[in-house]
């Protein structure tokens, strides 16, 4: 019979102090820390340490699609063929962890990966989550057998535990934005000029219909689907409307308060309607920027937040505009190319 090892990673900020953990039900468990780190690094590290520690046929169970899809969809084969470059011919992120994990996976031939929905009542997933948070908080690891004592709280930074579902504007007792629970799909892309103008029009309408179809189909696979949208003019607002049409909740991820202040009144009215209809709200930066450059930096931080926390993304891109192209590539680098839909208007 194979050994089933549950793994998880946590990070207090992204980057920030990180922690990882693995555990076998009724058997061995271990945790450790890294600072600075990221959520994705800690997810890989947890799987790597489990594979290093546990001999024999092994099933690694993770709530990270980043880890599981690498082996399920065989991303690693392309990385090796291209000399550890991704499809965009850029260095694979976190290669220092991926390379030894892939090497052991190939050498052993008895390791497989399975995905589990995070914080869905699975007792072992909850156990490794708490161990990883503990390690991130204390910056120290521990190990043993059986169920460890004195487990701390679950990872509130993922929007679970005390945080409302599907979204909350702030984490309880902290300054970092809470991450909504569920399977998260970010929608971004062109502003109105490339979508036919600021008023509703056939181009924007066509994008809305296609987005609605994509989200409805994704909801069949992931009943806990939640759309993340910055509610900016263009594709972001169309994404919110498509989510509503597909019967999918959406969470407004705002770069800063008052981002609509300089818009025309008709655009502000549409924004207010969509914001009121959102199932939750995240404000990445609490203070309004004083200059155009500061506003641009805040929007870049919002985009980075989406790339870190989304499970998938849909980018409305004509495959010509370089700014939207860079945004699409940033999602591909963070999530993997198979997790990013490119939708041409």
C-alpha atoms as a PDB file:
ATOM      1  CA  UNK A   1       0.000   0.000   0.000  1.00  0.00           C
ATOM      2  CA  UNK A   2       1.367   3.472  -0.828  1.00  0.00           C
ATOM      3  CA  UNK A   3       2.085   6.057   1.854  1.00  0.00           C
ATOM      4  CA  UNK A   4      -0.100   9.160   1.634  1.00  0.00           C
ATOM      5  CA  UNK A   5       1.722  12.323   2.679  1.00  0.00           C
ATOM      6  CA  UNK A   6      -0.221  15.571   3.030  1.00  0.00           C
ATOM      7  CA  UNK A   7       1.760  18.765   2.392  1.00  0.00           C
ATOM      8  CA  UNK A   8       1.162  22.489   2.742  1.00  0.00           C
ATOM      9  CA  UNK A   9       2.982  25.818   2.751  1.00  0.00           C
ATOM     10  CA  UNK A  10       2.255  29.171   4.363  1.00  0.00           C
ATOM     11  CA  UNK A  11       3.746  32.650   4.146  1.00  0.00           C
ATOM     12  CA  UNK A  12       3.148  35.700   6.341  1.00  0.00           C
ATOM     13  CA  UNK A  13       3.225  38.172   3.507  1.00  0.00           C
ATOM     14  CA  UNK A  14       4.300  37.289  -0.015  1.00  0.00           C
ATOM     15  CA  UNK A  15       7.286  37.547   0.187  1.00  0.00           C
ATOM     16  CA  UNK A  16       7.688  37.175   3.940  1.00  0.00           C
ATOM     17  CA  UNK A  17       8.429  34.606   6.639  1.00  0.00           C
ATOM     18  CA  UNK A  18       7.426  31.194   5.288  1.00  0.00           C
ATOM     19  CA  UNK A  19       6.703  27.756   6.682  1.00  0.00           C
ATOM     20  CA  UNK A  20       6.184  24.258   5.246  1.00  0.00           C
ATOM     21  CA  UNK A  21       4.885  20.970   6.605  1.00  0.00           C
ATOM     22  CA  UNK A  22       4.146  17.370   5.655  1.00  0.00           C
ATOM     23  CA  UNK A  23       2.383  14.629   7.598  1.00  0.00           C
ATOM     24  CA  UNK A  24       1.307  10.995   7.256  1.00  0.00           C
ATOM     25  CA  UNK A  25      -1.929  10.091   9.024  1.00  0.00           C
ATOM     26  CA  UNK A  26      -1.048   8.248  12.215  1.00  0.00           C
ATOM     27  CA  UNK A  27       2.646   8.386  11.306  1.00  0.00           C
ATOM     28  CA  UNK A  28       5.524  10.764  10.835  1.00  0.00           C
ATOM     29  CA  UNK A  29       5.313  14.519  10.333  1.00  0.00           C
ATOM     30  CA  UNK A  30       7.749  17.425  10.007  1.00  0.00           C
ATOM     31  CA  UNK A  31       7.784  21.186   9.461  1.00  0.00           C
ATOM     32  CA  UNK A  32      10.355  23.885   8.717  1.00  0.00           C
ATOM     33  CA  UNK A  33      10.792  27.559   7.909  1.00  0.00           C
ATOM     34  CA  UNK A  34      12.390  29.988   5.431  1.00  0.00           C
ATOM     35  CA  UNK A  35      12.693  33.779   5.490  1.00  0.00           C
ATOM     36  CA  UNK A  36      12.142  35.502   3.169  1.00  0.00           C
ATOM     37  CA  UNK A  37       9.943  33.166   1.174  1.00  0.00           C
ATOM     38  CA  UNK A  38       6.701  32.979  -0.817  1.00  0.00           C
ATOM     39  CA  UNK A  39       3.559  30.841  -0.719  1.00  0.00           C
ATOM     40  CA  UNK A  40       4.623  28.978  -3.844  1.00  0.00           C
ATOM     41  CA  UNK A  41       8.131  28.265  -2.566  1.00  0.00           C
ATOM     42  CA  UNK A  42       6.728  26.811   0.636  1.00  0.00           C
ATOM     43  CA  UNK A  43       4.276  24.587  -1.256  1.00  0.00           C
ATOM     44  CA  UNK A  44       7.132  23.149  -3.344  1.00  0.00           C
ATOM     45  CA  UNK A  45       9.413  22.830  -0.310  1.00  0.00           C
ATOM     46  CA  UNK A  46       6.779  20.842   1.603  1.00  0.00           C
ATOM     47  CA  UNK A  47       6.450  18.342  -1.258  1.00  0.00           C
ATOM     48  CA  UNK A  48      10.236  18.128  -1.688  1.00  0.00           C
ATOM     49  CA  UNK A  49      10.834  17.398   1.997  1.00  0.00           C
ATOM     50  CA  UNK A  50       8.126  14.718   2.017  1.00  0.00           C
ATOM     51  CA  UNK A  51       9.689  13.000  -1.016  1.00  0.00           C
ATOM     52  CA  UNK A  52      13.125  13.211   0.596  1.00  0.00           C
ATOM     53  CA  UNK A  53      11.947  11.765   3.916  1.00  0.00           C
ATOM     54  CA  UNK A  54       9.520   9.001   2.950  1.00  0.00           C
ATOM     55  CA  UNK A  55      10.702   5.874   1.100  1.00  0.00           C
ATOM     56  CA  UNK A  56       8.544   3.491  -0.876  1.00  0.00           C
ATOM     57  CA  UNK A  57       5.494   4.156  -3.034  1.00  0.00           C
ATOM     58  CA  UNK A  58       4.286   7.647  -2.157  1.00  0.00           C
ATOM     59  CA  UNK A  59       1.206   9.766  -2.897  1.00  0.00           C
ATOM     60  CA  UNK A  60       1.763  13.469  -2.202  1.00  0.00           C
ATOM     61  CA  UNK A  61      -1.544  15.225  -1.439  1.00  0.00           C
ATOM     62  CA  UNK A  62      -1.471  19.012  -1.808  1.00  0.00           C
ATOM     63  CA  UNK A  63      -4.004  21.841  -2.105  1.00  0.00           C
ATOM     64  CA  UNK A  64      -1.590  23.650  -4.439  1.00  0.00           C
ATOM     65  CA  UNK A  65      -2.452  23.382  -8.134  1.00  0.00           C
ATOM     66  CA  UNK A  66       0.988  24.900  -8.760  1.00  0.00           C
ATOM     67  CA  UNK A  67       2.600  21.745  -7.357  1.00  0.00           C
ATOM     68  CA  UNK A  68       0.104  19.118  -8.494  1.00  0.00           C
ATOM     69  CA  UNK A  69      -0.308  20.405 -12.059  1.00  0.00           C
ATOM     70  CA  UNK A  70       3.459  20.395 -12.612  1.00  0.00           C
ATOM     71  CA  UNK A  71       3.339  16.605 -12.510  1.00  0.00           C
ATOM     72  CA  UNK A  72      -0.239  15.984 -13.630  1.00  0.00           C
ATOM     73  CA  UNK A  73       0.257  18.104 -16.771  1.00  0.00           C
ATOM     74  CA  UNK A  74       3.982  17.270 -17.056  1.00  0.00           C
ATOM     75  CA  UNK A  75       5.199  20.882 -17.089  1.00  0.00           C
ATOM     76  CA  UNK A  76       8.607  19.598 -15.975  1.00  0.00           C
ATOM     77  CA  UNK A  77       9.180  17.845 -19.293  1.00  0.00           C
ATOM     78  CA  UNK A  78       9.012  21.148 -21.152  1.00  0.00           C
ATOM     79  CA  UNK A  79      11.260  22.817 -18.589  1.00  0.00           C
ATOM     80  CA  UNK A  80      13.941  20.131 -19.073  1.00  0.00           C
ATOM     81  CA  UNK A  81      13.660  20.220 -22.844  1.00  0.00           C
ATOM     82  CA  UNK A  82      14.155  23.999 -22.849  1.00  0.00           C
ATOM     83  CA  UNK A  83      16.996  23.986 -20.315  1.00  0.00           C
ATOM     84  CA  UNK A  84      14.827  25.157 -17.374  1.00  0.00           C
ATOM     85  CA  UNK A  85      13.114  27.885 -19.348  1.00  0.00           C
ATOM     86  CA  UNK A  86       9.336  28.262 -19.496  1.00  0.00           C
ATOM     87  CA  UNK A  87       7.395  28.614 -22.738  1.00  0.00           C
ATOM     88  CA  UNK A  88       8.084  32.357 -22.716  1.00  0.00           C
ATOM     89  CA  UNK A  89      11.811  31.487 -22.710  1.00  0.00           C
ATOM     90  CA  UNK A  90      12.258  32.915 -19.232  1.00  0.00           C
ATOM     91  CA  UNK A  91      13.935  31.098 -16.317  1.00  0.00           C
ATOM     92  CA  UNK A  92      11.552  28.843 -14.416  1.00  0.00           C
ATOM     93  CA  UNK A  93      10.680  30.446 -11.071  1.00  0.00           C
ATOM     94  CA  UNK A  94      11.838  28.565  -7.959  1.00  0.00           C
ATOM     95  CA  UNK A  95      14.151  26.322  -9.960  1.00  0.00           C
ATOM     96  CA  UNK A  96      16.305  25.710  -6.856  1.00  0.00           C
ATOM     97  CA  UNK A  97      13.357  23.766  -5.398  1.00  0.00           C
ATOM     98  CA  UNK A  98      11.760  22.410  -8.555  1.00  0.00           C
ATOM     99  CA  UNK A  99      14.971  20.835  -9.870  1.00  0.00           C
ATOM    100  CA  UNK A 100      15.660  18.524  -6.901  1.00  0.00           C
ATOM    101  CA  UNK A 101      11.968  17.617  -6.655  1.00  0.00           C
ATOM    102  CA  UNK A 102      11.756  16.732 -10.350  1.00  0.00           C
ATOM    103  CA  UNK A 103      15.039  14.809 -10.107  1.00  0.00           C
ATOM    104  CA  UNK A 104      13.752  12.669  -7.236  1.00  0.00           C
ATOM    105  CA  UNK A 105      10.383  12.187  -8.965  1.00  0.00           C
ATOM    106  CA  UNK A 106      12.161  10.852 -12.073  1.00  0.00           C
ATOM    107  CA  UNK A 107      14.682   8.739 -10.195  1.00  0.00           C
ATOM    108  CA  UNK A 108      12.167   7.085  -7.893  1.00  0.00           C
ATOM    109  CA  UNK A 109       9.337   6.350 -10.290  1.00  0.00           C
ATOM    110  CA  UNK A 110       7.006   5.602  -7.372  1.00  0.00           C
ATOM    111  CA  UNK A 111       5.755   9.109  -6.508  1.00  0.00           C
ATOM    112  CA  UNK A 112       2.392  10.543  -7.612  1.00  0.00           C
ATOM    113  CA  UNK A 113       0.541  13.757  -6.789  1.00  0.00           C
ATOM    114  CA  UNK A 114      -3.094  14.384  -5.926  1.00  0.00           C
ATOM    115  CA  UNK A 115      -4.970  17.622  -5.344  1.00  0.00           C
ATOM    116  CA  UNK A 116      -7.225  18.250  -2.343  1.00  0.00           C
ATOM    117  CA  UNK A 117      -9.419  21.287  -1.883  1.00  0.00           C
ATOM    118  CA  UNK A 118      -7.892  23.424   0.839  1.00  0.00           C
ATOM    119  CA  UNK A 119      -9.789  24.009   4.078  1.00  0.00           C
ATOM    120  CA  UNK A 120     -12.708  21.839   3.026  1.00  0.00           C
ATOM    121  CA  UNK A 121     -12.912  19.744   6.182  1.00  0.00           C
ATOM    122  CA  UNK A 122     -10.093  17.312   5.342  1.00  0.00           C
ATOM    123  CA  UNK A 123      -8.452  16.683   8.719  1.00  0.00           C
ATOM    124  CA  UNK A 124      -4.983  15.994   7.329  1.00  0.00           C
ATOM    125  CA  UNK A 125      -5.016  19.056   5.096  1.00  0.00           C
ATOM    126  CA  UNK A 126      -6.006  21.087   8.141  1.00  0.00           C
ATOM    127  CA  UNK A 127      -3.197  19.510  10.172  1.00  0.00           C
ATOM    128  CA  UNK A 128      -0.396  20.389   7.747  1.00  0.00           C
ATOM    129  CA  UNK A 129      -1.890  23.857   7.235  1.00  0.00           C
ATOM    130  CA  UNK A 130      -1.625  24.553  10.962  1.00  0.00           C
ATOM    131  CA  UNK A 131       1.888  23.129  11.157  1.00  0.00           C
ATOM    132  CA  UNK A 132       3.003  25.305   8.238  1.00  0.00           C
ATOM    133  CA  UNK A 133       1.490  28.448   9.786  1.00  0.00           C
ATOM    134  CA  UNK A 134       3.171  27.633  13.090  1.00  0.00           C
ATOM    135  CA  UNK A 135       6.538  27.255  11.364  1.00  0.00           C
ATOM    136  CA  UNK A 136       6.078  30.518   9.469  1.00  0.00           C
ATOM    137  CA  UNK A 137       5.126  32.343  12.652  1.00  0.00           C
ATOM    138  CA  UNK A 138       7.880  30.963  14.886  1.00  0.00           C
ATOM    139  CA  UNK A 139      10.471  30.534  12.100  1.00  0.00           C
ATOM    140  CA  UNK A 140      11.319  27.132  13.507  1.00  0.00           C
ATOM    141  CA  UNK A 141      10.365  23.577  12.587  1.00  0.00           C
ATOM    142  CA  UNK A 142       9.690  20.396  14.491  1.00  0.00           C
ATOM    143  CA  UNK A 143       9.018  16.736  13.779  1.00  0.00           C
ATOM    144  CA  UNK A 144       7.525  13.656  15.400  1.00  0.00           C
ATOM    145  CA  UNK A 145       5.030  10.822  15.065  1.00  0.00           C
ATOM    146  CA  UNK A 146       1.280  10.703  15.709  1.00  0.00           C
ATOM    147  CA  UNK A 147      -0.781  13.861  15.984  1.00  0.00           C
ATOM    148  CA  UNK A 148       1.311  16.845  17.129  1.00  0.00           C
ATOM    149  CA  UNK A 149       0.167  18.735  20.209  1.00  0.00           C
ATOM    150  CA  UNK A 150      -0.455  22.467  20.631  1.00  0.00           C
ATOM    151  CA  UNK A 151      -1.491  23.184  17.050  1.00  0.00           C
ATOM    152  CA  UNK A 152      -2.111  26.836  16.302  1.00  0.00           C
ATOM    153  CA  UNK A 153      -4.775  28.460  14.099  1.00  0.00           C
ATOM    154  CA  UNK A 154      -5.253  27.814  10.370  1.00  0.00           C
ATOM    155  CA  UNK A 155      -3.850  30.113   7.703  1.00  0.00           C
ATOM    156  CA  UNK A 156      -6.057  33.202   7.977  1.00  0.00           C
ATOM    157  CA  UNK A 157      -4.080  34.871   5.181  1.00  0.00           C
ATOM    158  CA  UNK A 158      -5.842  32.540   2.719  1.00  0.00           C
ATOM    159  CA  UNK A 159      -9.231  33.853   3.751  1.00  0.00           C
ATOM    160  CA  UNK A 160     -10.162  30.892   5.941  1.00  0.00           C
ATOM    161  CA  UNK A 161     -10.737  30.527   9.655  1.00  0.00           C
ATOM    162  CA  UNK A 162     -12.174  33.767  11.007  1.00  0.00           C
ATOM    163  CA  UNK A 163     -12.236  35.454   7.604  1.00  0.00           C
ATOM    164  CA  UNK A 164     -15.682  35.604   5.957  1.00  0.00           C
ATOM    165  CA  UNK A 165     -16.313  33.572   2.835  1.00  0.00           C
ATOM    166  CA  UNK A 166     -15.958  34.341   0.004  1.00  0.00           C
ATOM    167  CA  UNK A 167     -14.101  37.589   0.803  1.00  0.00           C
ATOM    168  CA  UNK A 168     -13.151  40.162   3.403  1.00  0.00           C
ATOM    169  CA  UNK A 169     -11.620  43.600   2.985  1.00  0.00           C
ATOM    170  CA  UNK A 170      -8.992  43.090   5.693  1.00  0.00           C
ATOM    171  CA  UNK A 171      -7.618  40.225   7.730  1.00  0.00           C
ATOM    172  CA  UNK A 172      -8.714  40.175  11.380  1.00  0.00           C
ATOM    173  CA  UNK A 173      -6.069  41.914  13.475  1.00  0.00           C
ATOM    174  CA  UNK A 174      -3.714  42.525  10.543  1.00  0.00           C
ATOM    175  CA  UNK A 175      -2.838  44.914   7.749  1.00  0.00           C
ATOM    176  CA  UNK A 176      -2.556  42.430   4.868  1.00  0.00           C
ATOM    177  CA  UNK A 177      -5.491  41.954   2.505  1.00  0.00           C
ATOM    178  CA  UNK A 178      -7.437  38.770   3.085  1.00  0.00           C
ATOM    179  CA  UNK A 179      -7.577  36.257   0.262  1.00  0.00           C
ATOM    180  CA  UNK A 180     -11.075  35.006  -0.630  1.00  0.00           C
ATOM    181  CA  UNK A 181     -11.762  31.301  -0.292  1.00  0.00           C
ATOM    182  CA  UNK A 182     -12.625  29.132  -3.276  1.00  0.00           C
ATOM    183  CA  UNK A 183     -11.209  28.457  -6.732  1.00  0.00           C
ATOM    184  CA  UNK A 184     -10.074  31.945  -7.760  1.00  0.00           C
ATOM    185  CA  UNK A 185     -10.088  33.177 -11.360  1.00  0.00           C
ATOM    186  CA  UNK A 186      -8.729  36.654 -12.089  1.00  0.00           C
ATOM    187  CA  UNK A 187     -10.106  38.637 -15.050  1.00  0.00           C
ATOM    188  CA  UNK A 188      -8.050  41.457 -16.570  1.00  0.00           C
ATOM    189  CA  UNK A 189      -7.112  42.958 -19.896  1.00  0.00           C
ATOM    190  CA  UNK A 190      -7.771  45.860 -22.227  1.00  0.00           C
ATOM    191  CA  UNK A 191      -9.249  49.213 -21.293  1.00  0.00           C
ATOM    192  CA  UNK A 192     -12.185  50.702 -23.270  1.00  0.00           C
ATOM    193  CA  UNK A 193     -10.368  51.980 -26.407  1.00  0.00           C
ATOM    194  CA  UNK A 194      -9.533  48.411 -27.434  1.00  0.00           C
ATOM    195  CA  UNK A 195     -13.003  47.185 -26.446  1.00  0.00           C
ATOM    196  CA  UNK A 196     -14.949  49.499 -28.739  1.00  0.00           C
ATOM    197  CA  UNK A 197     -15.242  52.567 -26.494  1.00  0.00           C
ATOM    198  CA  UNK A 198     -16.480  53.647 -23.082  1.00  0.00           C
ATOM    199  CA  UNK A 199     -20.158  52.963 -23.779  1.00  0.00           C
ATOM    200  CA  UNK A 200     -21.564  49.462 -24.230  1.00  0.00           C
ATOM    201  CA  UNK A 201     -20.882  48.271 -27.784  1.00  0.00           C
ATOM    202  CA  UNK A 202     -20.722  45.085 -29.891  1.00  0.00           C
ATOM    203  CA  UNK A 203     -17.029  44.438 -29.128  1.00  0.00           C
ATOM    204  CA  UNK A 204     -17.490  44.652 -25.359  1.00  0.00           C
ATOM    205  CA  UNK A 205     -20.722  42.688 -25.665  1.00  0.00           C
ATOM    206  CA  UNK A 206     -18.964  39.887 -27.522  1.00  0.00           C
ATOM    207  CA  UNK A 207     -16.232  39.711 -24.892  1.00  0.00           C
ATOM    208  CA  UNK A 208     -18.886  39.621 -22.167  1.00  0.00           C
ATOM    209  CA  UNK A 209     -20.711  36.696 -23.814  1.00  0.00           C
ATOM    210  CA  UNK A 210     -17.524  34.689 -24.277  1.00  0.00           C
ATOM    211  CA  UNK A 211     -16.380  35.413 -20.718  1.00  0.00           C
ATOM    212  CA  UNK A 212     -19.777  34.285 -19.442  1.00  0.00           C
ATOM    213  CA  UNK A 213     -19.394  30.991 -21.319  1.00  0.00           C
ATOM    214  CA  UNK A 214     -15.861  30.446 -19.956  1.00  0.00           C
ATOM    215  CA  UNK A 215     -16.897  31.186 -16.363  1.00  0.00           C
ATOM    216  CA  UNK A 216     -20.032  29.031 -16.562  1.00  0.00           C
ATOM    217  CA  UNK A 217     -17.973  26.104 -17.871  1.00  0.00           C
ATOM    218  CA  UNK A 218     -15.322  26.619 -15.184  1.00  0.00           C
ATOM    219  CA  UNK A 219     -18.019  26.667 -12.515  1.00  0.00           C
ATOM    220  CA  UNK A 220     -19.075  23.180 -13.637  1.00  0.00           C
ATOM    221  CA  UNK A 221     -15.577  21.951 -12.776  1.00  0.00           C
ATOM    222  CA  UNK A 222     -15.170  24.123  -9.680  1.00  0.00           C
ATOM    223  CA  UNK A 223     -18.476  24.750  -7.861  1.00  0.00           C
ATOM    224  CA  UNK A 224     -16.606  27.054  -5.421  1.00  0.00           C
ATOM    225  CA  UNK A 225     -15.514  29.351  -8.270  1.00  0.00           C
ATOM    226  CA  UNK A 226     -14.959  33.013  -7.334  1.00  0.00           C
ATOM    227  CA  UNK A 227     -13.961  35.698  -9.859  1.00  0.00           C
ATOM    228  CA  UNK A 228     -11.394  38.328  -8.883  1.00  0.00           C
ATOM    229  CA  UNK A 229     -11.670  41.675 -10.666  1.00  0.00           C
ATOM    230  CA  UNK A 230     -10.151  45.087 -10.104  1.00  0.00           C
ATOM    231  CA  UNK A 231     -13.347  46.739 -11.464  1.00  0.00           C
ATOM    232  CA  UNK A 232     -11.255  49.007 -13.653  1.00  0.00           C
ATOM    233  CA  UNK A 233     -12.672  50.361 -16.901  1.00  0.00           C
ATOM    234  CA  UNK A 234     -12.800  47.816 -19.684  1.00  0.00           C
ATOM    235  CA  UNK A 235     -12.160  44.093 -19.287  1.00  0.00           C
ATOM    236  CA  UNK A 236     -12.253  44.171 -15.480  1.00  0.00           C
ATOM    237  CA  UNK A 237     -15.802  45.556 -15.343  1.00  0.00           C
ATOM    238  CA  UNK A 238     -16.900  43.324 -18.217  1.00  0.00           C
ATOM    239  CA  UNK A 239     -15.524  40.407 -16.189  1.00  0.00           C
ATOM    240  CA  UNK A 240     -17.691  41.352 -13.214  1.00  0.00           C
ATOM    241  CA  UNK A 241     -20.773  41.538 -15.439  1.00  0.00           C
ATOM    242  CA  UNK A 242     -19.914  38.176 -17.019  1.00  0.00           C
ATOM    243  CA  UNK A 243     -19.548  36.608 -13.565  1.00  0.00           C
ATOM    244  CA  UNK A 244     -22.974  37.881 -12.584  1.00  0.00           C
ATOM    245  CA  UNK A 245     -24.468  36.563 -15.829  1.00  0.00           C
ATOM    246  CA  UNK A 246     -22.884  33.147 -15.176  1.00  0.00           C
ATOM    247  CA  UNK A 247     -24.224  33.075 -11.618  1.00  0.00           C
ATOM    248  CA  UNK A 248     -20.697  33.187 -10.161  1.00  0.00           C
ATOM    249  CA  UNK A 249     -19.770  35.446  -7.212  1.00  0.00           C
ATOM    250  CA  UNK A 250     -17.069  38.038  -7.806  1.00  0.00           C
ATOM    251  CA  UNK A 251     -14.787  39.858  -5.395  1.00  0.00           C
ATOM    252  CA  UNK A 252     -13.596  43.401  -6.092  1.00  0.00           C
ATOM    253  CA  UNK A 253      -9.815  43.663  -5.678  1.00  0.00           C
ATOM    254  CA  UNK A 254      -9.209  47.423  -5.553  1.00  0.00           C
ATOM    255  CA  UNK A 255      -5.737  48.897  -5.985  1.00  0.00           C
ATOM    256  CA  UNK A 256      -6.535  51.833  -3.696  1.00  0.00           C
ATOM    257  CA  UNK A 257      -9.564  53.784  -2.453  1.00  0.00           C
ATOM    258  CA  UNK A 258     -11.036  56.347  -4.825  1.00  0.00           C
ATOM    259  CA  UNK A 259      -9.644  54.808  -8.012  1.00  0.00           C
ATOM    260  CA  UNK A 260     -12.803  56.007  -9.818  1.00  0.00           C
ATOM    261  CA  UNK A 261     -12.597  59.658  -8.707  1.00  0.00           C
ATOM    262  CA  UNK A 262     -11.418  61.032 -12.076  1.00  0.00           C
ATOM    263  CA  UNK A 263     -13.718  58.948 -14.240  1.00  0.00           C
ATOM    264  CA  UNK A 264     -16.743  60.409 -16.053  1.00  0.00           C
ATOM    265  CA  UNK A 265     -19.923  60.315 -13.993  1.00  0.00           C
ATOM    266  CA  UNK A 266     -21.547  57.603 -16.109  1.00  0.00           C
ATOM    267  CA  UNK A 267     -18.469  55.395 -15.537  1.00  0.00           C
ATOM    268  CA  UNK A 268     -18.546  56.103 -11.801  1.00  0.00           C
ATOM    269  CA  UNK A 269     -22.207  55.073 -11.625  1.00  0.00           C
ATOM    270  CA  UNK A 270     -21.463  51.761 -13.347  1.00  0.00           C
ATOM    271  CA  UNK A 271     -18.512  51.215 -11.004  1.00  0.00           C
ATOM    272  CA  UNK A 272     -20.629  51.866  -7.912  1.00  0.00           C
ATOM    273  CA  UNK A 273     -23.305  49.400  -9.084  1.00  0.00           C
ATOM    274  CA  UNK A 274     -20.738  46.681  -9.694  1.00  0.00           C
ATOM    275  CA  UNK A 275     -18.975  47.359  -6.400  1.00  0.00           C
ATOM    276  CA  UNK A 276     -22.219  47.129  -4.437  1.00  0.00           C
ATOM    277  CA  UNK A 277     -23.058  43.806  -6.120  1.00  0.00           C
ATOM    278  CA  UNK A 278     -19.669  42.247  -5.281  1.00  0.00           C
ATOM    279  CA  UNK A 279     -19.646  39.291  -2.876  1.00  0.00           C
ATOM    280  CA  UNK A 280     -16.569  40.685  -1.126  1.00  0.00           C
ATOM    281  CA  UNK A 281     -13.899  43.334  -1.390  1.00  0.00           C
ATOM    282  CA  UNK A 282     -10.115  43.511  -1.027  1.00  0.00           C
ATOM    283  CA  UNK A 283      -8.260  46.839  -0.868  1.00  0.00           C
ATOM    284  CA  UNK A 284      -4.579  46.250  -1.591  1.00  0.00           C
ATOM    285  CA  UNK A 285      -3.379  49.749  -0.624  1.00  0.00           C
ATOM    286  CA  UNK A 286      -5.331  51.652   2.010  1.00  0.00           C
ATOM    287  CA  UNK A 287      -4.092  55.172   1.144  1.00  0.00           C
ATOM    288  CA  UNK A 288      -4.929  57.037  -2.071  1.00  0.00           C
ATOM    289  CA  UNK A 289      -1.872  57.826  -4.239  1.00  0.00           C
ATOM    290  CA  UNK A 290      -0.817  61.451  -4.555  1.00  0.00           C
ATOM    291  CA  UNK A 291       0.674  61.293  -8.056  1.00  0.00           C
ATOM    292  CA  UNK A 292       0.081  59.513 -11.340  1.00  0.00           C
ATOM    293  CA  UNK A 293       3.314  57.555 -10.846  1.00  0.00           C
ATOM    294  CA  UNK A 294       2.169  56.404  -7.405  1.00  0.00           C
ATOM    295  CA  UNK A 295      -1.178  55.347  -8.872  1.00  0.00           C
ATOM    296  CA  UNK A 296       0.619  53.306 -11.514  1.00  0.00           C
ATOM    297  CA  UNK A 297       2.745  51.633  -8.852  1.00  0.00           C
ATOM    298  CA  UNK A 298      -0.367  50.808  -6.810  1.00  0.00           C
ATOM    299  CA  UNK A 299      -2.035  49.245  -9.844  1.00  0.00           C
ATOM    300  CA  UNK A 300       1.104  47.167 -10.456  1.00  0.00           C
ATOM    301  CA  UNK A 301       0.975  45.930  -6.856  1.00  0.00           C
ATOM    302  CA  UNK A 302      -2.699  45.023  -7.334  1.00  0.00           C
ATOM    303  CA  UNK A 303      -1.817  43.032 -10.465  1.00  0.00           C
ATOM    304  CA  UNK A 304       0.986  41.264  -8.572  1.00  0.00           C
ATOM    305  CA  UNK A 305      -1.466  40.419  -5.765  1.00  0.00           C
ATOM    306  CA  UNK A 306      -3.838  38.858  -8.294  1.00  0.00           C
ATOM    307  CA  UNK A 307      -1.034  36.842  -9.903  1.00  0.00           C
ATOM    308  CA  UNK A 308       0.070  35.509  -6.500  1.00  0.00           C
ATOM    309  CA  UNK A 309      -3.331  34.426  -5.275  1.00  0.00           C
ATOM    310  CA  UNK A 310      -5.394  33.400  -8.315  1.00  0.00           C
ATOM    311  CA  UNK A 311      -5.667  29.762  -9.380  1.00  0.00           C
ATOM    312  CA  UNK A 312      -6.423  30.705 -12.990  1.00  0.00           C
ATOM    313  CA  UNK A 313      -6.706  33.902 -15.038  1.00  0.00           C
ATOM    314  CA  UNK A 314      -8.534  35.153 -18.111  1.00  0.00           C
ATOM    315  CA  UNK A 315      -6.746  37.989 -19.932  1.00  0.00           C
ATOM    316  CA  UNK A 316      -8.582  39.883 -22.686  1.00  0.00           C
ATOM    317  CA  UNK A 317      -5.746  40.669 -25.097  1.00  0.00           C
ATOM    318  CA  UNK A 318      -5.526  41.419 -28.816  1.00  0.00           C
ATOM    319  CA  UNK A 319      -2.001  39.870 -28.826  1.00  0.00           C
ATOM    320  CA  UNK A 320      -0.590  43.239 -29.941  1.00  0.00           C
ATOM    321  CA  UNK A 321      -0.725  45.650 -27.009  1.00  0.00           C
ATOM    322  CA  UNK A 322       2.613  45.311 -25.125  1.00  0.00           C
ATOM    323  CA  UNK A 323       1.250  46.469 -21.753  1.00  0.00           C
ATOM    324  CA  UNK A 324      -1.511  43.839 -21.645  1.00  0.00           C
ATOM    325  CA  UNK A 325       0.964  41.335 -23.078  1.00  0.00           C
ATOM    326  CA  UNK A 326       3.282  41.860 -20.120  1.00  0.00           C
ATOM    327  CA  UNK A 327       0.326  41.380 -17.767  1.00  0.00           C
ATOM    328  CA  UNK A 328      -0.592  38.117 -19.517  1.00  0.00           C
ATOM    329  CA  UNK A 329       2.988  36.853 -19.233  1.00  0.00           C
ATOM    330  CA  UNK A 330       3.137  37.742 -15.550  1.00  0.00           C
ATOM    331  CA  UNK A 331       0.060  35.562 -14.971  1.00  0.00           C
ATOM    332  CA  UNK A 332       1.613  32.765 -17.036  1.00  0.00           C
ATOM    333  CA  UNK A 333       4.850  32.939 -15.059  1.00  0.00           C
ATOM    334  CA  UNK A 334       2.989  32.816 -11.749  1.00  0.00           C
ATOM    335  CA  UNK A 335       0.273  30.274 -12.595  1.00  0.00           C
ATOM    336  CA  UNK A 336       1.652  28.281 -15.502  1.00  0.00           C
ATOM    337  CA  UNK A 337       0.626  28.774 -19.115  1.00  0.00           C
ATOM    338  CA  UNK A 338      -2.117  26.138 -18.965  1.00  0.00           C
ATOM    339  CA  UNK A 339      -3.921  28.094 -16.243  1.00  0.00           C
ATOM    340  CA  UNK A 340      -4.221  31.351 -18.242  1.00  0.00           C
ATOM    341  CA  UNK A 341      -6.921  31.883 -20.883  1.00  0.00           C
ATOM    342  CA  UNK A 342      -6.089  34.456 -23.584  1.00  0.00           C
ATOM    343  CA  UNK A 343      -9.319  35.870 -25.036  1.00  0.00           C
ATOM    344  CA  UNK A 344      -9.067  38.097 -28.113  1.00  0.00           C
ATOM    345  CA  UNK A 345     -11.680  40.875 -28.399  1.00  0.00           C
END
